[in-house]
């Protein structure tokens, strides 16, 4: 998942592995978003 606000670069939000063993969150959404 990525997001982009006007005038800003596209930012990585979260990623989930195809093996369901690895999940990552961007620092700005950690502990608030769940993939």
ModelCIF file with pLDDT and N, C-alpha, C, O atoms, coordinates in Angstrom:
data_MODEL
#
_entry.id   MODEL 
#
_entity.id                         1 
_entity.type                       polymer 
_entity.pdbx_number_of_molecules   1 
#
_entity_poly.entity_id                      1 
_entity_poly.type                           'polypeptide(L)' 
_entity_poly.nstd_linkage                   no 
_entity_poly.nstd_monomer                   no 
_entity_poly.pdbx_seq_one_letter_code       
;(UNK)(UNK)(UNK)(UNK)(UNK)(UNK)(UNK)(UNK)(UNK)(UNK)(UNK)(UNK)(UNK)(UNK)(UNK)(UNK)
(UNK)(UNK)(UNK)(UNK)(UNK)(UNK)(UNK)(UNK)(UNK)(UNK)(UNK)(UNK)(UNK)(UNK)(UNK)(UNK)
(UNK)(UNK)(UNK)
;
_entity_poly.pdbx_seq_one_letter_code_can   XXXXXXXXXXXXXXXXXXXXXXXXXXXXXXXXXXX 
_entity_poly.pdbx_strand_id                 A 
#
loop_
_entity_poly_seq.entity_id 
_entity_poly_seq.num 
_entity_poly_seq.mon_id 
_entity_poly_seq.hetero 
1 1  UNK n 
1 2  UNK n 
1 3  UNK n 
1 4  UNK n 
1 5  UNK n 
1 6  UNK n 
1 7  UNK n 
1 8  UNK n 
1 9  UNK n 
1 10 UNK n 
1 11 UNK n 
1 12 UNK n 
1 13 UNK n 
1 14 UNK n 
1 15 UNK n 
1 16 UNK n 
1 17 UNK n 
1 18 UNK n 
1 19 UNK n 
1 20 UNK n 
1 21 UNK n 
1 22 UNK n 
1 23 UNK n 
1 24 UNK n 
1 25 UNK n 
1 26 UNK n 
1 27 UNK n 
1 28 UNK n 
1 29 UNK n 
1 30 UNK n 
1 31 UNK n 
1 32 UNK n 
1 33 UNK n 
1 34 UNK n 
1 35 UNK n 
#
_struct_asym.id          A 
_struct_asym.entity_id   1 
#
loop_
_ma_qa_metric.id 
_ma_qa_metric.mode 
_ma_qa_metric.name 
_ma_qa_metric.software_group_id 
_ma_qa_metric.type 
1 global pLDDT . pLDDT 
2 local  pLDDT . pLDDT 
#
_ma_qa_metric_global.metric_id      1 
_ma_qa_metric_global.metric_value   93.86 
_ma_qa_metric_global.model_id       1 
_ma_qa_metric_global.ordinal_id     1 
#
loop_
_ma_qa_metric_local.label_asym_id 
_ma_qa_metric_local.label_comp_id 
_ma_qa_metric_local.label_seq_id 
_ma_qa_metric_local.metric_id 
_ma_qa_metric_local.metric_value 
_ma_qa_metric_local.model_id 
_ma_qa_metric_local.ordinal_id 
A UNK 1  2 98.00 1 1  
A UNK 2  2 98.00 1 2  
A UNK 3  2 98.00 1 3  
A UNK 4  2 98.00 1 4  
A UNK 5  2 97.00 1 5  
A UNK 6  2 95.00 1 6  
A UNK 7  2 95.00 1 7  
A UNK 8  2 96.00 1 8  
A UNK 9  2 95.00 1 9  
A UNK 10 2 96.00 1 10 
A UNK 11 2 96.00 1 11 
A UNK 12 2 97.00 1 12 
A UNK 13 2 98.00 1 13 
A UNK 14 2 97.00 1 14 
A UNK 15 2 96.00 1 15 
A UNK 16 2 96.00 1 16 
A UNK 17 2 94.00 1 17 
A UNK 18 2 90.00 1 18 
A UNK 19 2 74.00 1 19 
A UNK 20 2 67.00 1 20 
A UNK 21 2 72.00 1 21 
A UNK 22 2 91.00 1 22 
A UNK 23 2 95.00 1 23 
A UNK 24 2 96.00 1 24 
A UNK 25 2 96.00 1 25 
A UNK 26 2 96.00 1 26 
A UNK 27 2 95.00 1 27 
A UNK 28 2 95.00 1 28 
A UNK 29 2 97.00 1 29 
A UNK 30 2 95.00 1 30 
A UNK 31 2 95.00 1 31 
A UNK 32 2 98.00 1 32 
A UNK 33 2 98.00 1 33 
A UNK 34 2 98.00 1 34 
A UNK 35 2 97.00 1 35 
#
loop_
_atom_site.group_PDB 
_atom_site.id 
_atom_site.type_symbol 
_atom_site.label_atom_id 
_atom_site.label_alt_id 
_atom_site.label_comp_id 
_atom_site.label_asym_id 
_atom_site.label_entity_id 
_atom_site.label_seq_id 
_atom_site.pdbx_PDB_ins_code 
_atom_site.Cartn_x 
_atom_site.Cartn_y 
_atom_site.Cartn_z 
_atom_site.occupancy 
_atom_site.B_iso_or_equiv 
_atom_site.pdbx_formal_charge 
_atom_site.auth_seq_id 
_atom_site.auth_comp_id 
_atom_site.auth_asym_id 
_atom_site.auth_atom_id 
_atom_site.pdbx_PDB_model_num 
ATOM 1   N N  . UNK A 1 1  ? 0.853  -1.185  0.000  1.00 98.00 ? 1  UNK A N  1 
ATOM 2   C CA . UNK A 1 1  ? 0.000  0.000   0.000  1.00 98.00 ? 1  UNK A CA 1 
ATOM 3   C C  . UNK A 1 1  ? 0.891  1.236   0.000  1.00 98.00 ? 1  UNK A C  1 
ATOM 4   O O  . UNK A 1 1  ? 1.840  1.328   0.778  1.00 98.00 ? 1  UNK A O  1 
ATOM 5   N N  . UNK A 1 2  ? 0.581  2.174   -0.868 1.00 98.00 ? 2  UNK A N  1 
ATOM 6   C CA . UNK A 1 2  ? 1.265  3.450   -0.953 1.00 98.00 ? 2  UNK A CA 1 
ATOM 7   C C  . UNK A 1 2  ? 0.241  4.567   -0.869 1.00 98.00 ? 2  UNK A C  1 
ATOM 8   O O  . UNK A 1 2  ? -0.952 4.347   -1.074 1.00 98.00 ? 2  UNK A O  1 
ATOM 9   N N  . UNK A 1 3  ? 0.714  5.763   -0.568 1.00 98.00 ? 3  UNK A N  1 
ATOM 10  C CA . UNK A 1 3  ? -0.164 6.925   -0.585 1.00 98.00 ? 3  UNK A CA 1 
ATOM 11  C C  . UNK A 1 3  ? 0.586  8.128   -1.112 1.00 98.00 ? 3  UNK A C  1 
ATOM 12  O O  . UNK A 1 3  ? 1.809  8.212   -1.004 1.00 98.00 ? 3  UNK A O  1 
ATOM 13  N N  . UNK A 1 4  ? -0.163 9.060   -1.686 1.00 98.00 ? 4  UNK A N  1 
ATOM 14  C CA . UNK A 1 4  ? 0.437  10.265  -2.234 1.00 98.00 ? 4  UNK A CA 1 
ATOM 15  C C  . UNK A 1 4  ? -0.500 11.443  -2.020 1.00 98.00 ? 4  UNK A C  1 
ATOM 16  O O  . UNK A 1 4  ? -1.647 11.436  -2.466 1.00 98.00 ? 4  UNK A O  1 
ATOM 17  N N  . UNK A 1 5  ? 0.009  12.450  -1.334 1.00 97.00 ? 5  UNK A N  1 
ATOM 18  C CA . UNK A 1 5  ? -0.715 13.693  -1.114 1.00 97.00 ? 5  UNK A CA 1 
ATOM 19  C C  . UNK A 1 5  ? -0.250 14.724  -2.130 1.00 97.00 ? 5  UNK A C  1 
ATOM 20  O O  . UNK A 1 5  ? 0.861  14.612  -2.649 1.00 97.00 ? 5  UNK A O  1 
ATOM 21  N N  . UNK A 1 6  ? -1.074 15.730  -2.427 1.00 95.00 ? 6  UNK A N  1 
ATOM 22  C CA . UNK A 1 6  ? -0.677 16.755  -3.393 1.00 95.00 ? 6  UNK A CA 1 
ATOM 23  C C  . UNK A 1 6  ? 0.646  17.412  -3.023 1.00 95.00 ? 6  UNK A C  1 
ATOM 24  O O  . UNK A 1 6  ? 0.841  17.834  -1.883 1.00 95.00 ? 6  UNK A O  1 
ATOM 25  N N  . UNK A 1 7  ? 1.551  17.496  -3.993 1.00 95.00 ? 7  UNK A N  1 
ATOM 26  C CA . UNK A 1 7  ? 2.834  18.131  -3.774 1.00 95.00 ? 7  UNK A CA 1 
ATOM 27  C C  . UNK A 1 7  ? 3.857  17.291  -3.035 1.00 95.00 ? 7  UNK A C  1 
ATOM 28  O O  . UNK A 1 7  ? 4.951  17.777  -2.749 1.00 95.00 ? 7  UNK A O  1 
ATOM 29  N N  . UNK A 1 8  ? 3.534  16.045  -2.716 1.00 96.00 ? 8  UNK A N  1 
ATOM 30  C CA . UNK A 1 8  ? 4.449  15.185  -1.990 1.00 96.00 ? 8  UNK A CA 1 
ATOM 31  C C  . UNK A 1 8  ? 4.758  13.927  -2.793 1.00 96.00 ? 8  UNK A C  1 
ATOM 32  O O  . UNK A 1 8  ? 4.008  13.544  -3.690 1.00 96.00 ? 8  UNK A O  1 
ATOM 33  N N  . UNK A 1 9  ? 5.882  13.289  -2.452 1.00 95.00 ? 9  UNK A N  1 
ATOM 34  C CA . UNK A 1 9  ? 6.265  12.049  -3.097 1.00 95.00 ? 9  UNK A CA 1 
ATOM 35  C C  . UNK A 1 9  ? 5.385  10.903  -2.626 1.00 95.00 ? 9  UNK A C  1 
ATOM 36  O O  . UNK A 1 9  ? 4.810  10.951  -1.539 1.00 95.00 ? 9  UNK A O  1 
ATOM 37  N N  . UNK A 1 10 ? 5.288  9.869   -3.460 1.00 96.00 ? 10 UNK A N  1 
ATOM 38  C CA . UNK A 1 10 ? 4.552  8.681   -3.071 1.00 96.00 ? 10 UNK A CA 1 
ATOM 39  C C  . UNK A 1 10 ? 5.259  7.985   -1.914 1.00 96.00 ? 10 UNK A C  1 
ATOM 40  O O  . UNK A 1 10 ? 6.467  7.752   -1.962 1.00 96.00 ? 10 UNK A O  1 
ATOM 41  N N  . UNK A 1 11 ? 4.498  7.658   -0.877 1.00 96.00 ? 11 UNK A N  1 
ATOM 42  C CA . UNK A 1 11 ? 5.028  7.152   0.376  1.00 96.00 ? 11 UNK A CA 1 
ATOM 43  C C  . UNK A 1 11 ? 4.581  5.717   0.611  1.00 96.00 ? 11 UNK A C  1 
ATOM 44  O O  . UNK A 1 11 ? 3.402  5.400   0.456  1.00 96.00 ? 11 UNK A O  1 
ATOM 45  N N  . UNK A 1 12 ? 5.508  4.854   0.981  1.00 97.00 ? 12 UNK A N  1 
ATOM 46  C CA . UNK A 1 12 ? 5.164  3.495   1.341  1.00 97.00 ? 12 UNK A CA 1 
ATOM 47  C C  . UNK A 1 12 ? 4.432  3.444   2.667  1.00 97.00 ? 12 UNK A C  1 
ATOM 48  O O  . UNK A 1 12 ? 4.868  4.060   3.639  1.00 97.00 ? 12 UNK A O  1 
ATOM 49  N N  . UNK A 1 13 ? 3.322  2.714   2.721  1.00 98.00 ? 13 UNK A N  1 
ATOM 50  C CA . UNK A 1 13 ? 2.480  2.621   3.907  1.00 98.00 ? 13 UNK A CA 1 
ATOM 51  C C  . UNK A 1 13 ? 2.617  1.265   4.584  1.00 98.00 ? 13 UNK A C  1 
ATOM 52  O O  . UNK A 1 13 ? 2.851  1.187   5.790  1.00 98.00 ? 13 UNK A O  1 
ATOM 53  N N  . UNK A 1 14 ? 2.471  0.197   3.805  1.00 97.00 ? 14 UNK A N  1 
ATOM 54  C CA . UNK A 1 14 ? 2.517  -1.146  4.367  1.00 97.00 ? 14 UNK A CA 1 
ATOM 55  C C  . UNK A 1 14 ? 2.751  -2.151  3.253  1.00 97.00 ? 14 UNK A C  1 
ATOM 56  O O  . UNK A 1 14 ? 2.467  -1.875  2.087  1.00 97.00 ? 14 UNK A O  1 
ATOM 57  N N  . UNK A 1 15 ? 3.272  -3.320  3.617  1.00 96.00 ? 15 UNK A N  1 
ATOM 58  C CA . UNK A 1 15 ? 3.472  -4.403  2.659  1.00 96.00 ? 15 UNK A CA 1 
ATOM 59  C C  . UNK A 1 15 ? 3.281  -5.730  3.377  1.00 96.00 ? 15 UNK A C  1 
ATOM 60  O O  . UNK A 1 15 ? 3.716  -5.900  4.516  1.00 96.00 ? 15 UNK A O  1 
ATOM 61  N N  . UNK A 1 16 ? 2.629  -6.666  2.702  1.00 96.00 ? 16 UNK A N  1 
ATOM 62  C CA . UNK A 1 16 ? 2.430  -8.003  3.242  1.00 96.00 ? 16 UNK A CA 1 
ATOM 63  C C  . UNK A 1 16 ? 2.982  -9.017  2.255  1.00 96.00 ? 16 UNK A C  1 
ATOM 64  O O  . UNK A 1 16 ? 2.707  -8.943  1.057  1.00 96.00 ? 16 UNK A O  1 
ATOM 65  N N  . UNK A 1 17 ? 3.759  -9.962  2.758  1.00 94.00 ? 17 UNK A N  1 
ATOM 66  C CA . UNK A 1 17 ? 4.407  -10.961 1.920  1.00 94.00 ? 17 UNK A CA 1 
ATOM 67  C C  . UNK A 1 17 ? 3.415  -11.969 1.379  1.00 94.00 ? 17 UNK A C  1 
ATOM 68  O O  . UNK A 1 17 ? 2.384  -12.233 1.997  1.00 94.00 ? 17 UNK A O  1 
ATOM 69  N N  . UNK A 1 18 ? 3.732  -12.535 0.217  1.00 90.00 ? 18 UNK A N  1 
ATOM 70  C CA . UNK A 1 18 ? 2.924  -13.607 -0.338 1.00 90.00 ? 18 UNK A CA 1 
ATOM 71  C C  . UNK A 1 18 ? 2.952  -14.872 0.486  1.00 90.00 ? 18 UNK A C  1 
ATOM 72  O O  . UNK A 1 18 ? 2.074  -15.723 0.346  1.00 90.00 ? 18 UNK A O  1 
ATOM 73  N N  . UNK A 1 19 ? 3.955  -15.011 1.349  1.00 74.00 ? 19 UNK A N  1 
ATOM 74  C CA . UNK A 1 19 ? 4.057  -16.153 2.260  1.00 74.00 ? 19 UNK A CA 1 
ATOM 75  C C  . UNK A 1 19 ? 3.332  -15.907 3.575  1.00 74.00 ? 19 UNK A C  1 
ATOM 76  O O  . UNK A 1 19 ? 3.250  -16.805 4.412  1.00 74.00 ? 19 UNK A O  1 
ATOM 77  N N  . UNK A 1 20 ? 2.805  -14.696 3.767  1.00 67.00 ? 20 UNK A N  1 
ATOM 78  C CA . UNK A 1 20 ? 2.139  -14.278 5.003  1.00 67.00 ? 20 UNK A CA 1 
ATOM 79  C C  . UNK A 1 20 ? 3.064  -14.312 6.214  1.00 67.00 ? 20 UNK A C  1 
ATOM 80  O O  . UNK A 1 20 ? 2.598  -14.371 7.352  1.00 67.00 ? 20 UNK A O  1 
ATOM 81  N N  . UNK A 1 21 ? 4.374  -14.274 5.972  1.00 72.00 ? 21 UNK A N  1 
ATOM 82  C CA . UNK A 1 21 ? 5.337  -14.338 7.062  1.00 72.00 ? 21 UNK A CA 1 
ATOM 83  C C  . UNK A 1 21 ? 6.032  -13.013 7.338  1.00 72.00 ? 21 UNK A C  1 
ATOM 84  O O  . UNK A 1 21 ? 6.712  -12.872 8.354  1.00 72.00 ? 21 UNK A O  1 
ATOM 85  N N  . UNK A 1 22 ? 5.871  -12.041 6.445  1.00 91.00 ? 22 UNK A N  1 
ATOM 86  C CA . UNK A 1 22 ? 6.536  -10.756 6.603  1.00 91.00 ? 22 UNK A CA 1 
ATOM 87  C C  . UNK A 1 22 ? 5.532  -9.618  6.397  1.00 91.00 ? 22 UNK A C  1 
ATOM 88  O O  . UNK A 1 22 ? 4.812  -9.587  5.400  1.00 91.00 ? 22 UNK A O  1 
ATOM 89  N N  . UNK A 1 23 ? 5.496  -8.697  7.339  1.00 95.00 ? 23 UNK A N  1 
ATOM 90  C CA . UNK A 1 23 ? 4.647  -7.509  7.272  1.00 95.00 ? 23 UNK A CA 1 
ATOM 91  C C  . UNK A 1 23 ? 5.483  -6.297  7.652  1.00 95.00 ? 23 UNK A C  1 
ATOM 92  O O  . UNK A 1 23 ? 6.248  -6.338  8.615  1.00 95.00 ? 23 UNK A O  1 
ATOM 93  N N  . UNK A 1 24 ? 5.335  -5.218  6.893  1.00 96.00 ? 24 UNK A N  1 
ATOM 94  C CA . UNK A 1 24 ? 6.067  -3.982  7.146  1.00 96.00 ? 24 UNK A CA 1 
ATOM 95  C C  . UNK A 1 24 ? 5.098  -2.813  7.170  1.00 96.00 ? 24 UNK A C  1 
ATOM 96  O O  . UNK A 1 24 ? 4.086  -2.808  6.469  1.00 96.00 ? 24 UNK A O  1 
ATOM 97  N N  . UNK A 1 25 ? 5.429  -1.816  7.998  1.00 96.00 ? 25 UNK A N  1 
ATOM 98  C CA . UNK A 1 25 ? 4.666  -0.583  8.074  1.00 96.00 ? 25 UNK A CA 1 
ATOM 99  C C  . UNK A 1 25 ? 5.605  0.611   8.009  1.00 96.00 ? 25 UNK A C  1 
ATOM 100 O O  . UNK A 1 25 ? 6.711  0.578   8.548  1.00 96.00 ? 25 UNK A O  1 
ATOM 101 N N  . UNK A 1 26 ? 5.150  1.660   7.346  1.00 96.00 ? 26 UNK A N  1 
ATOM 102 C CA . UNK A 1 26 ? 5.879  2.902   7.408  1.00 96.00 ? 26 UNK A CA 1 
ATOM 103 C C  . UNK A 1 26 ? 5.836  3.476   8.811  1.00 96.00 ? 26 UNK A C  1 
ATOM 104 O O  . UNK A 1 26 ? 4.880  3.255   9.554  1.00 96.00 ? 26 UNK A O  1 
ATOM 105 N N  . UNK A 1 27 ? 6.888  4.220   9.172  1.00 95.00 ? 27 UNK A N  1 
ATOM 106 C CA . UNK A 1 27 ? 6.987  4.748   10.530 1.00 95.00 ? 27 UNK A CA 1 
ATOM 107 C C  . UNK A 1 27 ? 5.794  5.627   10.905 1.00 95.00 ? 27 UNK A C  1 
ATOM 108 O O  . UNK A 1 27 ? 5.377  5.637   12.063 1.00 95.00 ? 27 UNK A O  1 
ATOM 109 N N  . UNK A 1 28 ? 5.248  6.355   9.954  1.00 95.00 ? 28 UNK A N  1 
ATOM 110 C CA . UNK A 1 28 ? 4.180  7.290   10.248 1.00 95.00 ? 28 UNK A CA 1 
ATOM 111 C C  . UNK A 1 28 ? 2.843  6.619   10.543 1.00 95.00 ? 28 UNK A C  1 
ATOM 112 O O  . UNK A 1 28 ? 1.940  7.267   11.072 1.00 95.00 ? 28 UNK A O  1 
ATOM 113 N N  . UNK A 1 29 ? 2.693  5.329   10.212 1.00 97.00 ? 29 UNK A N  1 
ATOM 114 C CA . UNK A 1 29 ? 1.422  4.640   10.425 1.00 97.00 ? 29 UNK A CA 1 
ATOM 115 C C  . UNK A 1 29 ? 1.549  3.465   11.380 1.00 97.00 ? 29 UNK A C  1 
ATOM 116 O O  . UNK A 1 29 ? 0.554  2.812   11.694 1.00 97.00 ? 29 UNK A O  1 
ATOM 117 N N  . UNK A 1 30 ? 2.743  3.192   11.840 1.00 95.00 ? 30 UNK A N  1 
ATOM 118 C CA . UNK A 1 30 ? 2.974  2.076   12.745 1.00 95.00 ? 30 UNK A CA 1 
ATOM 119 C C  . UNK A 1 30 ? 2.091  2.194   13.988 1.00 95.00 ? 30 UNK A C  1 
ATOM 120 O O  . UNK A 1 30 ? 1.964  3.273   14.567 1.00 95.00 ? 30 UNK A O  1 
ATOM 121 N N  . UNK A 1 31 ? 1.488  1.089   14.387 1.00 95.00 ? 31 UNK A N  1 
ATOM 122 C CA . UNK A 1 31 ? 0.610  0.964   15.556 1.00 95.00 ? 31 UNK A CA 1 
ATOM 123 C C  . UNK A 1 31 ? -0.776 1.559   15.332 1.00 95.00 ? 31 UNK A C  1 
ATOM 124 O O  . UNK A 1 31 ? -1.612 1.527   16.235 1.00 95.00 ? 31 UNK A O  1 
ATOM 125 N N  . UNK A 1 32 ? -1.032 2.099   14.148 1.00 98.00 ? 32 UNK A N  1 
ATOM 126 C CA . UNK A 1 32 ? -2.355 2.633   13.833 1.00 98.00 ? 32 UNK A CA 1 
ATOM 127 C C  . UNK A 1 32 ? -3.024 1.885   12.680 1.00 98.00 ? 32 UNK A C  1 
ATOM 128 O O  . UNK A 1 32 ? -4.247 1.748   12.662 1.00 98.00 ? 32 UNK A O  1 
ATOM 129 N N  . UNK A 1 33 ? -2.236 1.400   11.722 1.00 98.00 ? 33 UNK A N  1 
ATOM 130 C CA . UNK A 1 33 ? -2.761 0.694   10.553 1.00 98.00 ? 33 UNK A CA 1 
ATOM 131 C C  . UNK A 1 33 ? -2.458 -0.791  10.661 1.00 98.00 ? 33 UNK A C  1 
ATOM 132 O O  . UNK A 1 33 ? -1.462 -1.185  11.268 1.00 98.00 ? 33 UNK A O  1 
ATOM 133 N N  . UNK A 1 34 ? -3.323 -1.618  10.069 1.00 98.00 ? 34 UNK A N  1 
ATOM 134 C CA . UNK A 1 34 ? -3.129 -3.056  10.056 1.00 98.00 ? 34 UNK A CA 1 
ATOM 135 C C  . UNK A 1 34 ? -3.429 -3.596  8.664  1.00 98.00 ? 34 UNK A C  1 
ATOM 136 O O  . UNK A 1 34 ? -4.509 -3.361  8.121  1.00 98.00 ? 34 UNK A O  1 
ATOM 137 N N  . UNK A 1 35 ? -2.475 -4.318  8.087  1.00 97.00 ? 35 UNK A N  1 
ATOM 138 C CA . UNK A 1 35 ? -2.667 -4.936  6.782  1.00 97.00 ? 35 UNK A CA 1 
ATOM 139 C C  . UNK A 1 35 ? -2.984 -6.415  6.976  1.00 97.00 ? 35 UNK A C  1 
ATOM 140 O O  . UNK A 1 35 ? -3.184 -7.136  5.999  1.00 97.00 ? 35 UNK A O  1 
#
